Amino acid sequence: MEHIAFCKLEIFLPEDSLPALREALWSQDAGHIGRYDRCLSWSPVTSCWRPLPGSEPYLGTPGELCIQPEVKAEVTCPADRVDAVVATVRAAHPYEEPVINVIPLYRTGLEESGDKG
């Protein structure tokens, strides 16, 4: 298997939390691609979950299905920075159990350019 130099993070959150998330990501230099920084995209999604007994949900009521509009933010970061970036996202995220998908990126073209992220 080839070396993974970059990953993409997908982060689901309420839209009103997006400004704080952006600042948290940028504080870790996530979204730095070549001669550009603060590269980030987001799109509206509809999500559902059911908080279980003992949970302390930001939205919803334990035992009841919650369906809410959210945004999915997407950003790249160097693979060797993923743990630090995820920790920063968790600290800035309002949810008790945030969804943060980490996806390894193969052959992005960034590796050949000698880019650092």
PDB file of N, CA and C in Angstrom:
ATOM      1  N   MET A   1       0.849  -1.181   0.000  1.00  0.00           N
ATOM      2  CA  MET A   1       0.000   0.000   0.000  1.00  0.00           C
ATOM      3  C   MET A   1       0.891   1.239   0.000  1.00  0.00           C
ATOM      4  N   GLU A   2       0.477   2.232  -0.742  1.00  0.00           N
ATOM      5  CA  GLU A   2       1.272   3.449  -0.809  1.00  0.00           C
ATOM      6  C   GLU A   2       1.074   4.315   0.428  1.00  0.00           C
ATOM      7  N   HIS A   3       2.036   5.167   0.667  1.00  0.00           N
ATOM      8  CA  HIS A   3       2.002   6.088   1.802  1.00  0.00           C
ATOM      9  C   HIS A   3       0.864   7.106   1.626  1.00  0.00           C
ATOM     10  N   ILE A   4       0.123   7.328   2.680  1.00  0.00           N
ATOM     11  CA  ILE A   4      -0.956   8.322   2.658  1.00  0.00           C
ATOM     12  C   ILE A   4      -0.403   9.633   3.209  1.00  0.00           C
ATOM     13  N   ALA A   5      -0.358  10.655   2.377  1.00  0.00           N
ATOM     14  CA  ALA A   5       0.164  11.950   2.802  1.00  0.00           C
ATOM     15  C   ALA A   5      -0.937  12.901   3.268  1.00  0.00           C
ATOM     16  N   PHE A   6      -2.156  12.727   2.725  1.00  0.00           N
ATOM     17  CA  PHE A   6      -3.253  13.645   3.032  1.00  0.00           C
ATOM     18  C   PHE A   6      -4.528  12.876   3.347  1.00  0.00           C
ATOM     19  N   CYS A   7      -5.364  13.498   4.152  1.00  0.00           N
ATOM     20  CA  CYS A   7      -6.679  12.948   4.470  1.00  0.00           C
ATOM     21  C   CYS A   7      -7.712  14.043   4.271  1.00  0.00           C
ATOM     22  N   LYS A   8      -8.944  13.608   4.081  1.00  0.00           N
ATOM     23  CA  LYS A   8     -10.072  14.529   4.052  1.00  0.00           C
ATOM     24  C   LYS A   8     -10.889  14.275   5.301  1.00  0.00           C
ATOM     25  N   LEU A   9     -11.300  15.323   5.962  1.00  0.00           N
ATOM     26  CA  LEU A   9     -12.207  15.210   7.095  1.00  0.00           C
ATOM     27  C   LEU A   9     -13.585  15.667   6.660  1.00  0.00           C
ATOM     28  N   GLU A  10     -14.593  14.892   7.028  1.00  0.00           N
ATOM     29  CA  GLU A  10     -16.001  15.266   6.870  1.00  0.00           C
ATOM     30  C   GLU A  10     -16.553  15.442   8.276  1.00  0.00           C
ATOM     31  N   ILE A  11     -17.127  16.597   8.529  1.00  0.00           N
ATOM     32  CA  ILE A  11     -17.602  16.931   9.867  1.00  0.00           C
ATOM     33  C   ILE A  11     -19.048  17.405   9.747  1.00  0.00           C
ATOM     34  N   PHE A  12     -19.944  16.774  10.487  1.00  0.00           N
ATOM     35  CA  PHE A  12     -21.361  17.130  10.470  1.00  0.00           C
ATOM     36  C   PHE A  12     -21.674  17.951  11.711  1.00  0.00           C
ATOM     37  N   LEU A  13     -22.377  19.078  11.512  1.00  0.00           N
ATOM     38  CA  LEU A  13     -22.650  19.959  12.639  1.00  0.00           C
ATOM     39  C   LEU A  13     -23.784  20.920  12.301  1.00  0.00           C
ATOM     40  N   PRO A  14     -24.353  21.582  13.324  1.00  0.00           N
ATOM     41  CA  PRO A  14     -25.374  22.592  13.059  1.00  0.00           C
ATOM     42  C   PRO A  14     -24.737  23.786  12.338  1.00  0.00           C
ATOM     43  N   GLU A  15     -25.471  24.389  11.436  1.00  0.00           N
ATOM     44  CA  GLU A  15     -24.914  25.481  10.638  1.00  0.00           C
ATOM     45  C   GLU A  15     -24.419  26.647  11.497  1.00  0.00           C
ATOM     46  N   ASP A  16     -25.094  26.920  12.599  1.00  0.00           N
ATOM     47  CA  ASP A  16     -24.663  28.050  13.427  1.00  0.00           C
ATOM     48  C   ASP A  16     -23.338  27.793  14.136  1.00  0.00           C
ATOM     49  N   SER A  17     -22.847  26.557  14.110  1.00  0.00           N
ATOM     50  CA  SER A  17     -21.543  26.223  14.703  1.00  0.00           C
ATOM     51  C   SER A  17     -20.411  26.269  13.684  1.00  0.00           C
ATOM     52  N   LEU A  18     -20.738  26.507  12.419  1.00  0.00           N
ATOM     53  CA  LEU A  18     -19.731  26.501  11.363  1.00  0.00           C
ATOM     54  C   LEU A  18     -18.641  27.568  11.545  1.00  0.00           C
ATOM     55  N   PRO A  19     -18.962  28.810  11.910  1.00  0.00           N
ATOM     56  CA  PRO A  19     -17.885  29.794  12.081  1.00  0.00           C
ATOM     57  C   PRO A  19     -16.832  29.360  13.114  1.00  0.00           C
ATOM     58  N   ALA A  20     -17.256  28.813  14.233  1.00  0.00           N
ATOM     59  CA  ALA A  20     -16.301  28.350  15.256  1.00  0.00           C
ATOM     60  C   ALA A  20     -15.476  27.175  14.737  1.00  0.00           C
ATOM     61  N   LEU A  21     -16.113  26.280  13.978  1.00  0.00           N
ATOM     62  CA  LEU A  21     -15.385  25.149  13.409  1.00  0.00           C
ATOM     63  C   LEU A  21     -14.331  25.637  12.415  1.00  0.00           C
ATOM     64  N   ARG A  22     -14.710  26.561  11.561  1.00  0.00           N
ATOM     65  CA  ARG A  22     -13.744  27.101  10.593  1.00  0.00           C
ATOM     66  C   ARG A  22     -12.514  27.651  11.303  1.00  0.00           C
ATOM     67  N   GLU A  23     -12.721  28.459  12.312  1.00  0.00           N
ATOM     68  CA  GLU A  23     -11.594  29.049  13.041  1.00  0.00           C
ATOM     69  C   GLU A  23     -10.745  27.964  13.708  1.00  0.00           C
ATOM     70  N   ALA A  24     -11.388  26.949  14.252  1.00  0.00           N
ATOM     71  CA  ALA A  24     -10.646  25.848  14.880  1.00  0.00           C
ATOM     72  C   ALA A  24      -9.792  25.115  13.851  1.00  0.00           C
ATOM     73  N   LEU A  25     -10.369  24.818  12.700  1.00  0.00           N
ATOM     74  CA  LEU A  25      -9.622  24.129  11.642  1.00  0.00           C
ATOM     75  C   LEU A  25      -8.454  24.988  11.168  1.00  0.00           C
ATOM     76  N   TRP A  26      -8.702  26.259  10.936  1.00  0.00           N
ATOM     77  CA  TRP A  26      -7.658  27.137  10.430  1.00  0.00           C
ATOM     78  C   TRP A  26      -6.558  27.350  11.457  1.00  0.00           C
ATOM     79  N   SER A  27      -6.891  27.258  12.747  1.00  0.00           N
ATOM     80  CA  SER A  27      -5.858  27.393  13.780  1.00  0.00           C
ATOM     81  C   SER A  27      -4.851  26.253  13.708  1.00  0.00           C
ATOM     82  N   GLN A  28      -5.268  25.133  13.100  1.00  0.00           N
ATOM     83  CA  GLN A  28      -4.397  23.968  12.916  1.00  0.00           C
ATOM     84  C   GLN A  28      -3.830  23.896  11.493  1.00  0.00           C
ATOM     85  N   ASP A  29      -4.073  24.909  10.696  1.00  0.00           N
ATOM     86  CA  ASP A  29      -3.643  24.986   9.296  1.00  0.00           C
ATOM     87  C   ASP A  29      -4.285  23.899   8.433  1.00  0.00           C
ATOM     88  N   ALA A  30      -5.419  23.351   8.875  1.00  0.00           N
ATOM     89  CA  ALA A  30      -6.184  22.428   8.022  1.00  0.00           C
ATOM     90  C   ALA A  30      -6.747  23.245   6.870  1.00  0.00           C
ATOM     91  N   GLY A  31      -6.818  22.644   5.689  1.00  0.00           N
ATOM     92  CA  GLY A  31      -7.316  23.351   4.525  1.00  0.00           C
ATOM     93  C   GLY A  31      -6.241  24.142   3.800  1.00  0.00           C
ATOM     94  N   HIS A  32      -4.979  23.851   4.088  1.00  0.00           N
ATOM     95  CA  HIS A  32      -3.871  24.512   3.395  1.00  0.00           C
ATOM     96  C   HIS A  32      -3.495  23.651   2.194  1.00  0.00           C
ATOM     97  N   ILE A  33      -3.700  24.188   0.998  1.00  0.00           N
ATOM     98  CA  ILE A  33      -3.416  23.457  -0.237  1.00  0.00           C
ATOM     99  C   ILE A  33      -2.528  24.336  -1.116  1.00  0.00           C
ATOM    100  N   GLY A  34      -1.271  23.957  -1.219  1.00  0.00           N
ATOM    101  CA  GLY A  34      -0.351  24.706  -2.065  1.00  0.00           C
ATOM    102  C   GLY A  34      -0.236  26.157  -1.655  1.00  0.00           C
ATOM    103  N   ARG A  35      -0.519  27.055  -2.577  1.00  0.00           N
ATOM    104  CA  ARG A  35      -0.426  28.491  -2.320  1.00  0.00           C
ATOM    105  C   ARG A  35      -1.736  29.085  -1.809  1.00  0.00           C
ATOM    106  N   TYR A  36      -2.606  28.232  -1.295  1.00  0.00           N
ATOM    107  CA  TYR A  36      -3.890  28.679  -0.759  1.00  0.00           C
ATOM    108  C   TYR A  36      -4.040  28.120   0.649  1.00  0.00           C
ATOM    109  N   ASP A  37      -4.690  28.881   1.494  1.00  0.00           N
ATOM    110  CA  ASP A  37      -5.041  28.338   2.799  1.00  0.00           C
ATOM    111  C   ASP A  37      -6.520  28.611   3.054  1.00  0.00           C
ATOM    112  N   ARG A  38      -7.002  28.092   4.160  1.00  0.00           N
ATOM    113  CA  ARG A  38      -8.415  28.221   4.536  1.00  0.00           C
ATOM    114  C   ARG A  38      -9.357  27.631   3.482  1.00  0.00           C
ATOM    115  N   CYS A  39      -8.898  26.567   2.824  1.00  0.00           N
ATOM    116  CA  CYS A  39      -9.732  25.875   1.828  1.00  0.00           C
ATOM    117  C   CYS A  39     -10.689  24.944   2.571  1.00  0.00           C
ATOM    118  N   LEU A  40     -11.961  25.166   2.394  1.00  0.00           N
ATOM    119  CA  LEU A  40     -12.989  24.423   3.122  1.00  0.00           C
ATOM    120  C   LEU A  40     -14.271  24.502   2.312  1.00  0.00           C
ATOM    121  N   SER A  41     -15.006  23.425   2.278  1.00  0.00           N
ATOM    122  CA  SER A  41     -16.328  23.475   1.646  1.00  0.00           C
ATOM    123  C   SER A  41     -17.347  22.927   2.620  1.00  0.00           C
ATOM    124  N   TRP A  42     -18.600  23.326   2.425  1.00  0.00           N
ATOM    125  CA  TRP A  42     -19.689  22.796   3.241  1.00  0.00           C
ATOM    126  C   TRP A  42     -20.946  22.784   2.403  1.00  0.00           C
ATOM    127  N   SER A  43     -21.812  21.878   2.767  1.00  0.00           N
ATOM    128  CA  SER A  43     -23.074  21.735   2.046  1.00  0.00           C
ATOM    129  C   SER A  43     -24.167  21.333   3.027  1.00  0.00           C
ATOM    130  N   PRO A  44     -25.407  21.702   2.713  1.00  0.00           N
ATOM    131  CA  PRO A  44     -26.512  21.332   3.606  1.00  0.00           C
ATOM    132  C   PRO A  44     -26.827  19.847   3.507  1.00  0.00           C
ATOM    133  N   VAL A  45     -27.156  19.256   4.632  1.00  0.00           N
ATOM    134  CA  VAL A  45     -27.587  17.859   4.702  1.00  0.00           C
ATOM    135  C   VAL A  45     -28.717  17.771   5.724  1.00  0.00           C
ATOM    136  N   THR A  46     -29.441  16.673   5.683  1.00  0.00           N
ATOM    137  CA  THR A  46     -30.418  16.367   6.719  1.00  0.00           C
ATOM    138  C   THR A  46     -29.937  15.119   7.430  1.00  0.00           C
ATOM    139  N   SER A  47     -29.857  15.184   8.737  1.00  0.00           N
ATOM    140  CA  SER A  47     -29.335  14.070   9.530  1.00  0.00           C
ATOM    141  C   SER A  47     -30.373  13.623  10.537  1.00  0.00           C
ATOM    142  N   CYS A  48     -30.233  12.381  10.972  1.00  0.00           N
ATOM    143  CA  CYS A  48     -31.111  11.891  12.036  1.00  0.00           C
ATOM    144  C   CYS A  48     -30.293  11.067  13.022  1.00  0.00           C
ATOM    145  N   TRP A  49     -30.767  11.033  14.242  1.00  0.00           N
ATOM    146  CA  TRP A  49     -30.159  10.248  15.310  1.00  0.00           C
ATOM    147  C   TRP A  49     -31.170  10.093  16.432  1.00  0.00           C
ATOM    148  N   ARG A  50     -30.912   9.109  17.281  1.00  0.00           N
ATOM    149  CA  ARG A  50     -31.757   8.912  18.460  1.00  0.00           C
ATOM    150  C   ARG A  50     -30.846   8.879  19.671  1.00  0.00           C
ATOM    151  N   PRO A  51     -30.892   9.907  20.505  1.00  0.00           N
ATOM    152  CA  PRO A  51     -30.092   9.886  21.727  1.00  0.00           C
ATOM    153  C   PRO A  51     -30.555   8.745  22.636  1.00  0.00           C
ATOM    154  N   LEU A  52     -29.609   8.015  23.149  1.00  0.00           N
ATOM    155  CA  LEU A  52     -29.924   6.895  24.034  1.00  0.00           C
ATOM    156  C   LEU A  52     -29.999   7.370  25.482  1.00  0.00           C
ATOM    157  N   PRO A  53     -30.653   6.584  26.355  1.00  0.00           N
ATOM    158  CA  PRO A  53     -30.725   6.969  27.766  1.00  0.00           C
ATOM    159  C   PRO A  53     -29.322   7.211  28.330  1.00  0.00           C
ATOM    160  N   GLY A  54     -29.188   8.269  29.114  1.00  0.00           N
ATOM    161  CA  GLY A  54     -27.903   8.626  29.694  1.00  0.00           C
ATOM    162  C   GLY A  54     -27.122   9.628  28.865  1.00  0.00           C
ATOM    163  N   SER A  55     -27.578   9.871  27.625  1.00  0.00           N
ATOM    164  CA  SER A  55     -26.892  10.846  26.780  1.00  0.00           C
ATOM    165  C   SER A  55     -27.316  12.253  27.188  1.00  0.00           C
ATOM    166  N   GLU A  56     -26.509  13.218  26.794  1.00  0.00           N
ATOM    167  CA  GLU A  56     -26.814  14.629  27.019  1.00  0.00           C
ATOM    168  C   GLU A  56     -26.772  15.333  25.669  1.00  0.00           C
ATOM    169  N   PRO A  57     -27.809  15.157  24.852  1.00  0.00           N
ATOM    170  CA  PRO A  57     -27.768  15.673  23.485  1.00  0.00           C
ATOM    171  C   PRO A  57     -27.832  17.196  23.412  1.00  0.00           C
ATOM    172  N   TYR A  58     -27.074  17.731  22.462  1.00  0.00           N
ATOM    173  CA  TYR A  58     -27.147  19.153  22.136  1.00  0.00           C
ATOM    174  C   TYR A  58     -28.506  19.446  21.514  1.00  0.00           C
ATOM    175  N   LEU A  59     -28.976  18.517  20.666  1.00  0.00           N
ATOM    176  CA  LEU A  59     -30.294  18.592  20.039  1.00  0.00           C
ATOM    177  C   LEU A  59     -30.993  17.258  20.236  1.00  0.00           C
ATOM    178  N   GLY A  60     -32.270  17.292  20.473  1.00  0.00           N
ATOM    179  CA  GLY A  60     -33.045  16.071  20.605  1.00  0.00           C
ATOM    180  C   GLY A  60     -33.291  15.681  22.053  1.00  0.00           C
ATOM    181  N   THR A  61     -34.092  14.635  22.201  1.00  0.00           N
ATOM    182  CA  THR A  61     -34.501  14.132  23.504  1.00  0.00           C
ATOM    183  C   THR A  61     -34.155  12.650  23.581  1.00  0.00           C
ATOM    184  N   PRO A  62     -33.527  12.202  24.663  1.00  0.00           N
ATOM    185  CA  PRO A  62     -33.207  10.775  24.773  1.00  0.00           C
ATOM    186  C   PRO A  62     -34.430   9.894  24.504  1.00  0.00           C
ATOM    187  N   GLY A  63     -34.219   8.880  23.685  1.00  0.00           N
ATOM    188  CA  GLY A  63     -35.269   7.933  23.341  1.00  0.00           C
ATOM    189  C   GLY A  63     -36.115   8.322  22.141  1.00  0.00           C
ATOM    190  N   GLU A  64     -35.959   9.540  21.626  1.00  0.00           N
ATOM    191  CA  GLU A  64     -36.772  10.006  20.497  1.00  0.00           C
ATOM    192  C   GLU A  64     -35.895  10.286  19.281  1.00  0.00           C
ATOM    193  N   LEU A  65     -36.412   9.917  18.100  1.00  0.00           N
ATOM    194  CA  LEU A  65     -35.694  10.187  16.860  1.00  0.00           C
ATOM    195  C   LEU A  65     -35.661  11.694  16.615  1.00  0.00           C
ATOM    196  N   CYS A  66     -34.494  12.201  16.302  1.00  0.00           N
ATOM    197  CA  CYS A  66     -34.311  13.621  16.007  1.00  0.00           C
ATOM    198  C   CYS A  66     -33.882  13.743  14.546  1.00  0.00           C
ATOM    199  N   ILE A  67     -34.568  14.558  13.782  1.00  0.00           N
ATOM    200  CA  ILE A  67     -34.225  14.819  12.387  1.00  0.00           C
ATOM    201  C   ILE A  67     -33.989  16.321  12.276  1.00  0.00           C
ATOM    202  N   GLN A  68     -32.777  16.683  11.841  1.00  0.00           N
ATOM    203  CA  GLN A  68     -32.390  18.085  11.837  1.00  0.00           C
ATOM    204  C   GLN A  68     -31.606  18.444  10.580  1.00  0.00           C
ATOM    205  N   PRO A  69     -31.722  19.690  10.119  1.00  0.00           N
ATOM    206  CA  PRO A  69     -30.807  20.166   9.076  1.00  0.00           C
ATOM    207  C   PRO A  69     -29.440  20.396   9.708  1.00  0.00           C
ATOM    208  N   GLU A  70     -28.412  20.046   8.979  1.00  0.00           N
ATOM    209  CA  GLU A  70     -27.034  20.264   9.404  1.00  0.00           C
ATOM    210  C   GLU A  70     -26.228  20.702   8.188  1.00  0.00           C
ATOM    211  N   VAL A  71     -24.942  20.924   8.386  1.00  0.00           N
ATOM    212  CA  VAL A  71     -24.018  21.093   7.278  1.00  0.00           C
ATOM    213  C   VAL A  71     -22.944  20.030   7.405  1.00  0.00           C
ATOM    214  N   LYS A  72     -22.428  19.623   6.249  1.00  0.00           N
ATOM    215  CA  LYS A  72     -21.271  18.733   6.215  1.00  0.00           C
ATOM    216  C   LYS A  72     -20.106  19.579   5.735  1.00  0.00           C
ATOM    217  N   ALA A  73     -19.128  19.788   6.608  1.00  0.00           N
ATOM    218  CA  ALA A  73     -17.922  20.527   6.249  1.00  0.00           C
ATOM    219  C   ALA A  73     -16.860  19.529   5.814  1.00  0.00           C
ATOM    220  N   GLU A  74     -16.108  19.887   4.765  1.00  0.00           N
ATOM    221  CA  GLU A  74     -15.056  19.032   4.249  1.00  0.00           C
ATOM    222  C   GLU A  74     -13.767  19.829   4.137  1.00  0.00           C
ATOM    223  N   VAL A  75     -12.674  19.233   4.603  1.00  0.00           N
ATOM    224  CA  VAL A  75     -11.380  19.906   4.598  1.00  0.00           C
ATOM    225  C   VAL A  75     -10.283  18.853   4.480  1.00  0.00           C
ATOM    226  N   THR A  76      -9.174  19.214   3.851  1.00  0.00           N
ATOM    227  CA  THR A  76      -8.028  18.313   3.793  1.00  0.00           C
ATOM    228  C   THR A  76      -7.000  18.738   4.833  1.00  0.00           C
ATOM    229  N   CYS A  77      -6.196  17.750   5.231  1.00  0.00           N
ATOM    230  CA  CYS A  77      -5.070  18.046   6.118  1.00  0.00           C
ATOM    231  C   CYS A  77      -4.009  16.974   5.921  1.00  0.00           C
ATOM    232  N   PRO A  78      -2.763  17.292   6.246  1.00  0.00           N
ATOM    233  CA  PRO A  78      -1.727  16.275   6.162  1.00  0.00           C
ATOM    234  C   PRO A  78      -2.045  15.115   7.099  1.00  0.00           C
ATOM    235  N   ALA A  79      -1.790  13.909   6.657  1.00  0.00           N
ATOM    236  CA  ALA A  79      -2.114  12.716   7.450  1.00  0.00           C
ATOM    237  C   ALA A  79      -1.427  12.741   8.811  1.00  0.00           C
ATOM    238  N   ASP A  80      -0.237  13.291   8.873  1.00  0.00           N
ATOM    239  CA  ASP A  80       0.475  13.307  10.154  1.00  0.00           C
ATOM    240  C   ASP A  80      -0.076  14.351  11.128  1.00  0.00           C
ATOM    241  N   ARG A  81      -1.057  15.147  10.709  1.00  0.00           N
ATOM    242  CA  ARG A  81      -1.697  16.142  11.574  1.00  0.00           C
ATOM    243  C   ARG A  81      -3.130  15.766  11.947  1.00  0.00           C
ATOM    244  N   VAL A  82      -3.607  14.626  11.466  1.00  0.00           N
ATOM    245  CA  VAL A  82      -5.016  14.255  11.671  1.00  0.00           C
ATOM    246  C   VAL A  82      -5.385  14.212  13.144  1.00  0.00           C
ATOM    247  N   ASP A  83      -4.594  13.591  13.983  1.00  0.00           N
ATOM    248  CA  ASP A  83      -4.962  13.475  15.399  1.00  0.00           C
ATOM    249  C   ASP A  83      -5.121  14.847  16.055  1.00  0.00           C
ATOM    250  N   ALA A  84      -4.211  15.765  15.769  1.00  0.00           N
ATOM    251  CA  ALA A  84      -4.293  17.110  16.343  1.00  0.00           C
ATOM    252  C   ALA A  84      -5.510  17.861  15.810  1.00  0.00           C
ATOM    253  N   VAL A  85      -5.783  17.722  14.517  1.00  0.00           N
ATOM    254  CA  VAL A  85      -6.928  18.411  13.924  1.00  0.00           C
ATOM    255  C   VAL A  85      -8.231  17.852  14.489  1.00  0.00           C
ATOM    256  N   VAL A  86      -8.342  16.541  14.599  1.00  0.00           N
ATOM    257  CA  VAL A  86      -9.562  15.933  15.151  1.00  0.00           C
ATOM    258  C   VAL A  86      -9.764  16.372  16.604  1.00  0.00           C
ATOM    259  N   ALA A  87      -8.707  16.430  17.391  1.00  0.00           N
ATOM    260  CA  ALA A  87      -8.837  16.888  18.785  1.00  0.00           C
ATOM    261  C   ALA A  87      -9.340  18.333  18.835  1.00  0.00           C
ATOM    262  N   THR A  88      -8.853  19.168  17.938  1.00  0.00           N
ATOM    263  CA  THR A  88      -9.288  20.564  17.874  1.00  0.00           C
ATOM    264  C   THR A  88     -10.750  20.656  17.449  1.00  0.00           C
ATOM    265  N   VAL A  89     -11.152  19.824  16.489  1.00  0.00           N
ATOM    266  CA  VAL A  89     -12.550  19.804  16.052  1.00  0.00           C
ATOM    267  C   VAL A  89     -13.451  19.385  17.212  1.00  0.00           C
ATOM    268  N   ARG A  90     -13.072  18.330  17.920  1.00  0.00           N
ATOM    269  CA  ARG A  90     -13.885  17.875  19.064  1.00  0.00           C
ATOM    270  C   ARG A  90     -14.061  18.991  20.101  1.00  0.00           C
ATOM    271  N   ALA A  91     -13.019  19.743  20.359  1.00  0.00           N
ATOM    272  CA  ALA A  91     -13.092  20.818  21.351  1.00  0.00           C
ATOM    273  C   ALA A  91     -14.021  21.945  20.900  1.00  0.00           C
ATOM    274  N   ALA A  92     -14.117  22.170  19.584  1.00  0.00           N
ATOM    275  CA  ALA A  92     -14.944  23.265  19.055  1.00  0.00           C
ATOM    276  C   ALA A  92     -16.366  22.828  18.719  1.00  0.00           C
ATOM    277  N   HIS A  93     -16.608  21.534  18.682  1.00  0.00           N
ATOM    278  CA  HIS A  93     -17.899  20.994  18.225  1.00  0.00           C
ATOM    279  C   HIS A  93     -18.902  20.961  19.373  1.00  0.00           C
ATOM    280  N   PRO A  94     -20.163  21.329  19.126  1.00  0.00           N
ATOM    281  CA  PRO A  94     -21.138  21.354  20.218  1.00  0.00           C
ATOM    282  C   PRO A  94     -21.690  19.978  20.613  1.00  0.00           C
ATOM    283  N   TYR A  95     -21.549  18.970  19.759  1.00  0.00           N
ATOM    284  CA  TYR A  95     -22.176  17.682  20.039  1.00  0.00           C
ATOM    285  C   TYR A  95     -21.359  16.846  21.019  1.00  0.00           C
ATOM    286  N   GLU A  96     -22.074  16.055  21.797  1.00  0.00           N
ATOM    287  CA  GLU A  96     -21.457  15.110  22.720  1.00  0.00           C
ATOM    288  C   GLU A  96     -20.666  14.043  21.960  1.00  0.00           C
ATOM    289  N   GLU A  97     -21.205  13.574  20.843  1.00  0.00           N
ATOM    290  CA  GLU A  97     -20.578  12.547  19.999  1.00  0.00           C
ATOM    291  C   GLU A  97     -20.567  13.045  18.548  1.00  0.00           C
ATOM    292  N   PRO A  98     -19.632  13.926  18.176  1.00  0.00           N
ATOM    293  CA  PRO A  98     -19.631  14.449  16.810  1.00  0.00           C
ATOM    294  C   PRO A  98     -19.237  13.383  15.790  1.00  0.00           C
ATOM    295  N   VAL A  99     -19.799  13.505  14.592  1.00  0.00           N
ATOM    296  CA  VAL A  99     -19.408  12.637  13.475  1.00  0.00           C
ATOM    297  C   VAL A  99     -18.261  13.326  12.751  1.00  0.00           C
ATOM    298  N   ILE A 100     -17.096  12.683  12.791  1.00  0.00           N
ATOM    299  CA  ILE A 100     -15.900  13.194  12.117  1.00  0.00           C
ATOM    300  C   ILE A 100     -15.332  12.024  11.322  1.00  0.00           C
ATOM    301  N   ASN A 101     -15.562  12.018  10.029  1.00  0.00           N
ATOM    302  CA  ASN A 101     -15.035  10.963   9.166  1.00  0.00           C
ATOM    303  C   ASN A 101     -13.660  11.364   8.665  1.00  0.00           C
ATOM    304  N   VAL A 102     -12.703  10.466   8.788  1.00  0.00           N
ATOM    305  CA  VAL A 102     -11.348  10.694   8.285  1.00  0.00           C
ATOM    306  C   VAL A 102     -11.132   9.744   7.113  1.00  0.00           C
ATOM    307  N   ILE A 103     -10.886  10.308   5.943  1.00  0.00           N
ATOM    308  CA  ILE A 103     -10.787   9.534   4.709  1.00  0.00           C
ATOM    309  C   ILE A 103      -9.399   9.718   4.110  1.00  0.00           C
ATOM    310  N   PRO A 104      -8.630   8.627   3.975  1.00  0.00           N
ATOM    311  CA  PRO A 104      -7.313   8.776   3.350  1.00  0.00           C
ATOM    312  C   PRO A 104      -7.461   9.136   1.875  1.00  0.00           C
ATOM    313  N   LEU A 105      -6.598  10.008   1.397  1.00  0.00           N
ATOM    314  CA  LEU A 105      -6.634  10.439  -0.001  1.00  0.00           C
ATOM    315  C   LEU A 105      -5.442   9.847  -0.746  1.00  0.00           C
ATOM    316  N   TYR A 106      -5.730   9.177  -1.842  1.00  0.00           N
ATOM    317  CA  TYR A 106      -4.716   8.590  -2.695  1.00  0.00           C
ATOM    318  C   TYR A 106      -4.573   9.424  -3.956  1.00  0.00           C
ATOM    319  N   ARG A 107      -3.363   9.626  -4.393  1.00  0.00           N
ATOM    320  CA  ARG A 107      -3.074  10.270  -5.682  1.00  0.00           C
ATOM    321  C   ARG A 107      -3.853  11.572  -5.879  1.00  0.00           C
ATOM    322  N   THR A 108      -3.655  12.495  -4.978  1.00  0.00           N
ATOM    323  CA  THR A 108      -4.359  13.780  -5.079  1.00  0.00           C
ATOM    324  C   THR A 108      -3.649  14.754  -5.990  1.00  0.00           C
ATOM    325  N   GLY A 109      -2.401  14.477  -6.317  1.00  0.00           N
ATOM    326  CA  GLY A 109      -1.596  15.434  -7.063  1.00  0.00           C
ATOM    327  C   GLY A 109      -0.800  16.330  -6.113  1.00  0.00           C
ATOM    328  N   LEU A 110      -1.220  16.430  -4.870  1.00  0.00           N
ATOM    329  CA  LEU A 110      -0.495  17.237  -3.908  1.00  0.00           C
ATOM    330  C   LEU A 110       0.865  16.638  -3.606  1.00  0.00           C
ATOM    331  N   GLU A 111       0.951  15.300  -3.596  1.00  0.00           N
ATOM    332  CA  GLU A 111       2.205  14.639  -3.271  1.00  0.00           C
ATOM    333  C   GLU A 111       3.289  14.993  -4.285  1.00  0.00           C
ATOM    334  N   GLU A 112       2.955  15.023  -5.562  1.00  0.00           N
ATOM    335  CA  GLU A 112       3.920  15.292  -6.615  1.00  0.00           C
ATOM    336  C   GLU A 112       4.422  16.733  -6.574  1.00  0.00           C
ATOM    337  N   SER A 113       3.610  17.642  -6.083  1.00  0.00           N
ATOM    338  CA  SER A 113       4.009  19.051  -6.075  1.00  0.00           C
ATOM    339  C   SER A 113       4.917  19.384  -4.904  1.00  0.00           C
ATOM    340  N   GLY A 114       5.082  18.425  -3.998  1.00  0.00           N
ATOM    341  CA  GLY A 114       5.882  18.697  -2.819  1.00  0.00           C
ATOM    342  C   GLY A 114       5.144  19.578  -1.826  1.00  0.00           C
ATOM    343  N   ASP A 115       3.852  19.711  -2.002  1.00  0.00           N
ATOM    344  CA  ASP A 115       3.035  20.536  -1.147  1.00  0.00           C
ATOM    345  C   ASP A 115       3.028  19.981   0.268  1.00  0.00           C
ATOM    346  N   LYS A 116       2.875  20.850   1.246  1.00  0.00           N
ATOM    347  CA  LYS A 116       2.827  20.439   2.647  1.00  0.00           C
ATOM    348  C   LYS A 116       1.410  20.357   3.164  1.00  0.00           C
ATOM    349  N   GLY A 117       0.420  20.516   2.324  1.00  0.00           N
ATOM    350  CA  GLY A 117      -0.938  20.383   2.818  1.00  0.00           C
ATOM    351  C   GLY A 117      -1.865  21.416   2.396  1.00  0.00           C
TER     352      GLY A 117
END
